[in-house]
Amino acid sequence: MKLSKERVQELGQVLKEEFNLELDDSNLEKLAYSLAGYFDLLLKIENRHKFGNRSRVVLDSDKHKDLDNDEERL
């Protein structure tokens, strides 16, 4: 997943305004990707729960596919 520079900078602005925290560009980008990865993981967990909690099934949150069986998901 690729995050735009604008979104990373928007996160930096929120951190500055809401938490009085300023990060350099490198750390800000690391944080942005960590947050995106965290929420992607949460989405995958939710999808597993929603589709029967089948632990053997891995869902691709970008394509909504069952990666084990390559079945399309809605």
C-alpha atoms as a PDB file:
ATOM      1  CA  MET A   1       0.000   0.000   0.000  1.00  0.00           C
ATOM      2  CA  LYS A   2       1.362   3.412  -0.958  1.00  0.00           C
ATOM      3  CA  LEU A   3       0.486   6.497   1.073  1.00  0.00           C
ATOM      4  CA  SER A   4       0.570   9.866  -0.631  1.00  0.00           C
ATOM      5  CA  LYS A   5       2.845  12.584   0.682  1.00  0.00           C
ATOM      6  CA  GLU A   6      -0.241  14.702   1.272  1.00  0.00           C
ATOM      7  CA  ARG A   7      -1.755  12.077   3.624  1.00  0.00           C
ATOM      8  CA  VAL A   8       1.518  11.717   5.530  1.00  0.00           C
ATOM      9  CA  GLN A   9       1.746  15.494   5.901  1.00  0.00           C
ATOM     10  CA  GLU A  10      -1.905  15.602   6.998  1.00  0.00           C
ATOM     11  CA  LEU A  11      -1.045  13.136   9.773  1.00  0.00           C
ATOM     12  CA  GLY A  12       1.842  15.403  10.758  1.00  0.00           C
ATOM     13  CA  GLN A  13      -0.528  18.359  10.960  1.00  0.00           C
ATOM     14  CA  VAL A  14      -2.970  16.428  13.158  1.00  0.00           C
ATOM     15  CA  LEU A  15      -0.167  15.348  15.483  1.00  0.00           C
ATOM     16  CA  LYS A  16       1.036  18.932  15.755  1.00  0.00           C
ATOM     17  CA  GLU A  17      -2.415  20.458  16.355  1.00  0.00           C
ATOM     18  CA  GLU A  18      -3.919  17.789  18.605  1.00  0.00           C
ATOM     19  CA  PHE A  19      -0.892  16.481  20.494  1.00  0.00           C
ATOM     20  CA  ASN A  20       1.709  19.251  20.118  1.00  0.00           C
ATOM     21  CA  LEU A  21       4.036  16.634  18.615  1.00  0.00           C
ATOM     22  CA  GLU A  22       6.338  17.248  15.674  1.00  0.00           C
ATOM     23  CA  LEU A  23       8.167  14.400  13.951  1.00  0.00           C
ATOM     24  CA  ASP A  24      10.817  14.578  11.262  1.00  0.00           C
ATOM     25  CA  ASP A  25       9.813  13.316   7.819  1.00  0.00           C
ATOM     26  CA  SER A  26      11.369   9.883   8.281  1.00  0.00           C
ATOM     27  CA  ASN A  27       9.664   9.170  11.602  1.00  0.00           C
ATOM     28  CA  LEU A  28       6.390  10.644  10.395  1.00  0.00           C
ATOM     29  CA  GLU A  29       6.390   8.325   7.385  1.00  0.00           C
ATOM     30  CA  LYS A  30       7.220   5.324   9.595  1.00  0.00           C
ATOM     31  CA  LEU A  31       4.328   6.205  11.895  1.00  0.00           C
ATOM     32  CA  ALA A  32       1.926   6.672   8.969  1.00  0.00           C
ATOM     33  CA  TYR A  33       2.783   3.247   7.529  1.00  0.00           C
ATOM     34  CA  SER A  34       2.588   1.636  10.976  1.00  0.00           C
ATOM     35  CA  LEU A  35      -0.896   3.067  11.499  1.00  0.00           C
ATOM     36  CA  ALA A  36      -1.995   1.981   8.028  1.00  0.00           C
ATOM     37  CA  GLY A  37      -0.664  -1.527   8.698  1.00  0.00           C
ATOM     38  CA  TYR A  38      -2.416  -1.651  12.062  1.00  0.00           C
ATOM     39  CA  PHE A  39      -5.780  -0.715  10.582  1.00  0.00           C
ATOM     40  CA  ASP A  40      -5.243  -3.142   7.711  1.00  0.00           C
ATOM     41  CA  LEU A  41      -4.714  -5.883  10.297  1.00  0.00           C
ATOM     42  CA  LEU A  42      -7.906  -4.845  12.108  1.00  0.00           C
ATOM     43  CA  LEU A  43      -9.796  -5.061   8.811  1.00  0.00           C
ATOM     44  CA  LYS A  44      -8.432  -8.549   8.177  1.00  0.00           C
ATOM     45  CA  ILE A  45      -9.490  -9.655  11.664  1.00  0.00           C
ATOM     46  CA  GLU A  46     -12.965  -8.217  11.114  1.00  0.00           C
ATOM     47  CA  ASN A  47     -13.229 -10.004   7.756  1.00  0.00           C
ATOM     48  CA  ARG A  48     -12.268 -13.328   9.334  1.00  0.00           C
ATOM     49  CA  HIS A  49     -14.916 -12.843  11.987  1.00  0.00           C
ATOM     50  CA  LYS A  50     -17.520 -11.740   9.443  1.00  0.00           C
ATOM     51  CA  PHE A  51     -16.875 -14.692   7.119  1.00  0.00           C
ATOM     52  CA  GLY A  52     -17.193 -17.408   9.732  1.00  0.00           C
ATOM     53  CA  ASN A  53     -13.964 -17.010  11.718  1.00  0.00           C
ATOM     54  CA  ARG A  54     -12.219 -19.578   9.540  1.00  0.00           C
ATOM     55  CA  SER A  55      -8.618 -19.263  10.718  1.00  0.00           C
ATOM     56  CA  ARG A  56      -7.284 -21.076   7.643  1.00  0.00           C
ATOM     57  CA  VAL A  57      -8.701 -18.425   5.318  1.00  0.00           C
ATOM     58  CA  VAL A  58      -6.558 -15.396   4.585  1.00  0.00           C
ATOM     59  CA  LEU A  59      -8.414 -12.431   3.112  1.00  0.00           C
ATOM     60  CA  ASP A  60      -6.711  -9.786   1.019  1.00  0.00           C
ATOM     61  CA  SER A  61      -8.205  -6.555   2.331  1.00  0.00           C
ATOM     62  CA  ASP A  62      -7.240  -4.665  -0.826  1.00  0.00           C
ATOM     63  CA  LYS A  63      -9.028  -7.035  -3.194  1.00  0.00           C
ATOM     64  CA  HIS A  64     -11.520  -8.710  -0.833  1.00  0.00           C
ATOM     65  CA  LYS A  65     -10.380 -12.134  -2.013  1.00  0.00           C
ATOM     66  CA  ASP A  66      -9.953 -15.355  -0.148  1.00  0.00           C
ATOM     67  CA  LEU A  67      -6.245 -15.848  -0.849  1.00  0.00           C
ATOM     68  CA  ASP A  68      -6.309 -19.541   0.066  1.00  0.00           C
ATOM     69  CA  ASN A  69      -9.043 -20.424  -2.437  1.00  0.00           C
ATOM     70  CA  ASP A  70      -8.885 -17.338  -4.678  1.00  0.00           C
ATOM     71  CA  GLU A  71     -12.648 -16.843  -4.271  1.00  0.00           C
ATOM     72  CA  GLU A  72     -14.116 -13.395  -4.755  1.00  0.00           C
ATOM     73  CA  ARG A  73     -15.706 -11.864  -1.665  1.00  0.00           C
ATOM     74  CA  LEU A  74     -18.348  -9.151  -1.557  1.00  0.00           C
END
